[in-house]
Amino acid sequence: MDAGSEIDDPIAAAWDFQARAAEAWDERSRTSTSTWVPPIRRALVDRARNSTLGRFYPVTSHTALTFSTGPRHWLGEGEVLPVAIELVPEGLYVVRTRSVGTVLETADADEAVTEAERLAERLTLPAGDSFRPWLHS
C-alpha cells in the first residue's frame, strides 16, 4: 500500500497497522516467557479484517480485539461495538458481549469471527456507550 492510499482509506491503514502489530506480538509470544498471551493474534486480525467486521476500525488491548465506528472513540469520534474477541492463556478466542458476557470459546479464529459478526449485526449500541472488555474482566 502506498502512502496516498493510507490517507484515502484510514480503516485499511488501521488494519494494516494491527496486522503488523499482531505479527510482532505473536513472534514475541513464541520466543518470550514474559507473557502469557498465546501467539494467535495475527490469525484473528487477518480473519476479522476479511470479514464484515473489517468495515470498522480495529481496537486492541493486551488481550482483546474490539471494533469501533470511528478512529478515535476515546475522543468521542466513534463508538466501540458491544462485542469483543479476547485471547486467553489456553490459546482460545473468547467472544463476549456486554449484555451476555461469554458467548463462545473456541480455538478457531474463523469460528470466533463468524460469531462476532453475527452478534455485531444483532446488537445495538446505546448512544454514548462503548464496550471495553478489558475493564470488565
C-alpha atoms as a PDB file:
ATOM      1  CA  MET A   1       0.000   0.000   0.000  1.00  0.00           C
ATOM      2  CA  ASP A   2       1.361   3.410  -0.916  1.00  0.00           C
ATOM      3  CA  ALA A   3       1.215   6.429   1.372  1.00  0.00           C
ATOM      4  CA  GLY A   4      -1.579   8.077  -0.623  1.00  0.00           C
ATOM      5  CA  SER A   5      -3.922   5.115  -0.254  1.00  0.00           C
ATOM      6  CA  GLU A   6      -3.492   5.159   3.534  1.00  0.00           C
ATOM      7  CA  ILE A   7      -4.853   8.685   3.555  1.00  0.00           C
ATOM      8  CA  ASP A   8      -7.679   7.652   1.222  1.00  0.00           C
ATOM      9  CA  ASP A   9      -8.611   4.628   3.329  1.00  0.00           C
ATOM     10  CA  PRO A  10      -7.900   5.163   7.029  1.00  0.00           C
ATOM     11  CA  ILE A  11      -9.702   1.945   8.015  1.00  0.00           C
ATOM     12  CA  ALA A  12      -7.385  -0.083   5.742  1.00  0.00           C
ATOM     13  CA  ALA A  13      -4.401   1.713   7.262  1.00  0.00           C
ATOM     14  CA  ALA A  14      -5.654   0.869  10.762  1.00  0.00           C
ATOM     15  CA  TRP A  15      -5.992  -2.806   9.814  1.00  0.00           C
ATOM     16  CA  ASP A  16      -2.503  -2.761   8.217  1.00  0.00           C
ATOM     17  CA  PHE A  17      -1.098  -1.404  11.472  1.00  0.00           C
ATOM     18  CA  GLN A  18      -2.949  -4.055  13.502  1.00  0.00           C
ATOM     19  CA  ALA A  19      -1.651  -6.829  11.214  1.00  0.00           C
ATOM     20  CA  ARG A  20       1.950  -5.677  11.672  1.00  0.00           C
ATOM     21  CA  ALA A  21       1.487  -5.311  15.431  1.00  0.00           C
ATOM     22  CA  ALA A  22      -0.155  -8.745  15.677  1.00  0.00           C
ATOM     23  CA  GLU A  23       2.704 -10.384  13.788  1.00  0.00           C
ATOM     24  CA  ALA A  24       5.249  -8.753  16.099  1.00  0.00           C
ATOM     25  CA  TRP A  25       3.207  -9.753  19.154  1.00  0.00           C
ATOM     26  CA  ASP A  26       2.917 -13.362  18.013  1.00  0.00           C
ATOM     27  CA  GLU A  27       6.656 -13.555  17.373  1.00  0.00           C
ATOM     28  CA  ARG A  28       7.356 -12.189  20.846  1.00  0.00           C
ATOM     29  CA  SER A  29       4.888 -14.671  22.346  1.00  0.00           C
ATOM     30  CA  ARG A  30       6.656 -17.564  20.631  1.00  0.00           C
ATOM     31  CA  THR A  31      10.082 -16.587  21.924  1.00  0.00           C
ATOM     32  CA  SER A  32       9.426 -14.996  25.312  1.00  0.00           C
ATOM     33  CA  THR A  33       8.429 -16.314  28.686  1.00  0.00           C
ATOM     34  CA  SER A  34       7.442 -12.843  29.885  1.00  0.00           C
ATOM     35  CA  THR A  35       3.896 -13.002  28.514  1.00  0.00           C
ATOM     36  CA  TRP A  36       1.028 -15.443  28.826  1.00  0.00           C
ATOM     37  CA  VAL A  37      -0.757 -14.275  25.688  1.00  0.00           C
ATOM     38  CA  PRO A  38      -0.586 -17.071  23.094  1.00  0.00           C
ATOM     39  CA  PRO A  39       0.704 -16.388  19.549  1.00  0.00           C
ATOM     40  CA  ILE A  40      -2.768 -16.408  17.962  1.00  0.00           C
ATOM     41  CA  ARG A  41      -3.382 -12.683  17.442  1.00  0.00           C
ATOM     42  CA  ARG A  42      -2.337 -12.497  13.750  1.00  0.00           C
ATOM     43  CA  ALA A  43      -4.799 -15.231  12.726  1.00  0.00           C
ATOM     44  CA  LEU A  44      -7.566 -13.311  14.477  1.00  0.00           C
ATOM     45  CA  VAL A  45      -6.670  -9.947  12.935  1.00  0.00           C
ATOM     46  CA  ASP A  46      -6.375 -11.444   9.447  1.00  0.00           C
ATOM     47  CA  ARG A  47      -9.717 -13.230   9.699  1.00  0.00           C
ATOM     48  CA  ALA A  48     -11.542 -10.220  11.200  1.00  0.00           C
ATOM     49  CA  ARG A  49     -10.141  -7.872   8.586  1.00  0.00           C
ATOM     50  CA  ASN A  50     -11.504 -10.075   5.819  1.00  0.00           C
ATOM     51  CA  SER A  51     -14.967 -10.288   7.376  1.00  0.00           C
ATOM     52  CA  THR A  52     -17.816  -7.814   7.671  1.00  0.00           C
ATOM     53  CA  LEU A  53     -16.063  -6.543  10.816  1.00  0.00           C
ATOM     54  CA  GLY A  54     -13.346  -5.169   8.525  1.00  0.00           C
ATOM     55  CA  ARG A  55     -15.528  -2.123   7.841  1.00  0.00           C
ATOM     56  CA  PHE A  56     -14.910  -0.991  11.431  1.00  0.00           C
ATOM     57  CA  TYR A  57     -11.736   0.371  12.977  1.00  0.00           C
ATOM     58  CA  PRO A  58      -9.858  -2.344  14.883  1.00  0.00           C
ATOM     59  CA  VAL A  59      -9.153  -1.559  18.520  1.00  0.00           C
ATOM     60  CA  THR A  60      -6.855  -3.763  20.557  1.00  0.00           C
ATOM     61  CA  SER A  61      -5.791  -4.065  24.125  1.00  0.00           C
ATOM     62  CA  HIS A  62      -3.318  -6.537  25.560  1.00  0.00           C
ATOM     63  CA  THR A  63      -5.817  -9.378  25.159  1.00  0.00           C
ATOM     64  CA  ALA A  64      -8.839  -8.192  23.155  1.00  0.00           C
ATOM     65  CA  LEU A  65      -9.872  -7.134  19.682  1.00  0.00           C
ATOM     66  CA  THR A  66     -12.849  -4.810  19.512  1.00  0.00           C
ATOM     67  CA  PHE A  67     -14.327  -2.726  16.735  1.00  0.00           C
ATOM     68  CA  SER A  68     -15.120   0.992  16.579  1.00  0.00           C
ATOM     69  CA  THR A  69     -17.235   3.111  14.271  1.00  0.00           C
ATOM     70  CA  GLY A  70     -14.627   5.871  14.367  1.00  0.00           C
ATOM     71  CA  PRO A  71     -10.867   6.216  14.521  1.00  0.00           C
ATOM     72  CA  ARG A  72     -10.653   7.829  17.958  1.00  0.00           C
ATOM     73  CA  HIS A  73     -13.518   6.523  20.026  1.00  0.00           C
ATOM     74  CA  TRP A  74     -11.845   7.727  23.226  1.00  0.00           C
ATOM     75  CA  LEU A  75     -12.338  11.306  21.943  1.00  0.00           C
ATOM     76  CA  GLY A  76     -15.958  10.742  21.040  1.00  0.00           C
ATOM     77  CA  GLU A  77     -15.183  10.054  17.357  1.00  0.00           C
ATOM     78  CA  GLY A  78     -16.984   6.747  17.147  1.00  0.00           C
ATOM     79  CA  GLU A  79     -18.324   4.084  19.434  1.00  0.00           C
ATOM     80  CA  VAL A  80     -16.938   0.688  20.323  1.00  0.00           C
ATOM     81  CA  LEU A  81     -19.264  -2.143  19.336  1.00  0.00           C
ATOM     82  CA  PRO A  82     -20.643  -4.221  22.221  1.00  0.00           C
ATOM     83  CA  VAL A  83     -18.841  -7.359  21.049  1.00  0.00           C
ATOM     84  CA  ALA A  84     -15.207  -8.323  21.559  1.00  0.00           C
ATOM     85  CA  ILE A  85     -12.897 -11.246  20.923  1.00  0.00           C
ATOM     86  CA  GLU A  86     -10.418 -11.886  23.713  1.00  0.00           C
ATOM     87  CA  LEU A  87      -7.363 -14.120  23.872  1.00  0.00           C
ATOM     88  CA  VAL A  88      -6.950 -16.367  26.898  1.00  0.00           C
ATOM     89  CA  PRO A  89      -3.894 -18.286  28.177  1.00  0.00           C
ATOM     90  CA  GLU A  90      -5.234 -21.619  26.958  1.00  0.00           C
ATOM     91  CA  GLY A  91      -4.871 -20.411  23.364  1.00  0.00           C
ATOM     92  CA  LEU A  92      -8.577 -19.805  22.864  1.00  0.00           C
ATOM     93  CA  TYR A  93     -10.577 -16.968  21.389  1.00  0.00           C
ATOM     94  CA  VAL A  94     -13.414 -15.888  23.676  1.00  0.00           C
ATOM     95  CA  VAL A  95     -16.282 -13.971  22.120  1.00  0.00           C
ATOM     96  CA  ARG A  96     -18.020 -11.700  24.631  1.00  0.00           C
ATOM     97  CA  THR A  97     -20.804  -9.176  24.667  1.00  0.00           C
ATOM     98  CA  ARG A  98     -21.592  -6.627  27.297  1.00  0.00           C
ATOM     99  CA  SER A  99     -25.114  -7.894  27.913  1.00  0.00           C
ATOM    100  CA  VAL A 100     -24.440 -11.650  27.931  1.00  0.00           C
ATOM    101  CA  GLY A 101     -20.764 -11.999  28.782  1.00  0.00           C
ATOM    102  CA  THR A 102     -19.020 -15.034  27.285  1.00  0.00           C
ATOM    103  CA  VAL A 103     -20.876 -16.360  24.258  1.00  0.00           C
ATOM    104  CA  LEU A 104     -18.265 -18.672  22.726  1.00  0.00           C
ATOM    105  CA  GLU A 105     -14.839 -20.141  23.499  1.00  0.00           C
ATOM    106  CA  THR A 106     -13.009 -21.676  20.550  1.00  0.00           C
ATOM    107  CA  ALA A 107      -9.530 -22.437  19.256  1.00  0.00           C
ATOM    108  CA  ASP A 108     -10.668 -21.457  15.741  1.00  0.00           C
ATOM    109  CA  ALA A 109     -10.280 -17.809  14.626  1.00  0.00           C
ATOM    110  CA  ASP A 110     -12.835 -18.337  11.835  1.00  0.00           C
ATOM    111  CA  GLU A 111     -15.458 -19.559  14.269  1.00  0.00           C
ATOM    112  CA  ALA A 112     -14.785 -16.691  16.689  1.00  0.00           C
ATOM    113  CA  VAL A 113     -15.044 -14.032  13.994  1.00  0.00           C
ATOM    114  CA  THR A 114     -18.169 -15.594  12.490  1.00  0.00           C
ATOM    115  CA  GLU A 115     -19.853 -15.463  15.892  1.00  0.00           C
ATOM    116  CA  ALA A 116     -18.685 -11.886  16.479  1.00  0.00           C
ATOM    117  CA  GLU A 117     -20.092 -10.906  13.073  1.00  0.00           C
ATOM    118  CA  ARG A 118     -23.432 -12.487  13.922  1.00  0.00           C
ATOM    119  CA  LEU A 119     -23.577 -10.700  17.259  1.00  0.00           C
ATOM    120  CA  ALA A 120     -22.472  -7.334  15.842  1.00  0.00           C
ATOM    121  CA  GLU A 121     -25.344  -7.485  13.345  1.00  0.00           C
ATOM    122  CA  ARG A 122     -27.878  -8.053  16.127  1.00  0.00           C
ATOM    123  CA  LEU A 123     -26.601  -5.850  18.938  1.00  0.00           C
ATOM    124  CA  THR A 124     -27.204  -2.149  19.107  1.00  0.00           C
ATOM    125  CA  LEU A 125     -25.003   0.326  20.868  1.00  0.00           C
ATOM    126  CA  PRO A 126     -26.709   2.864  23.122  1.00  0.00           C
ATOM    127  CA  ALA A 127     -25.704   6.447  22.310  1.00  0.00           C
ATOM    128  CA  GLY A 128     -22.542   7.466  24.142  1.00  0.00           C
ATOM    129  CA  ASP A 129     -21.874   3.921  25.358  1.00  0.00           C
ATOM    130  CA  SER A 130     -18.998   1.625  24.482  1.00  0.00           C
ATOM    131  CA  PHE A 131     -17.745  -1.810  25.388  1.00  0.00           C
ATOM    132  CA  ARG A 132     -14.258  -2.270  26.755  1.00  0.00           C
ATOM    133  CA  PRO A 133     -13.974  -5.894  27.877  1.00  0.00           C
ATOM    134  CA  TRP A 134     -10.574  -5.423  29.462  1.00  0.00           C
ATOM    135  CA  LEU A 135     -12.280  -3.174  32.033  1.00  0.00           C
ATOM    136  CA  HIS A 136     -14.792  -5.909  32.893  1.00  0.00           C
ATOM    137  CA  SER A 137     -12.554  -8.968  33.048  1.00  0.00           C
END
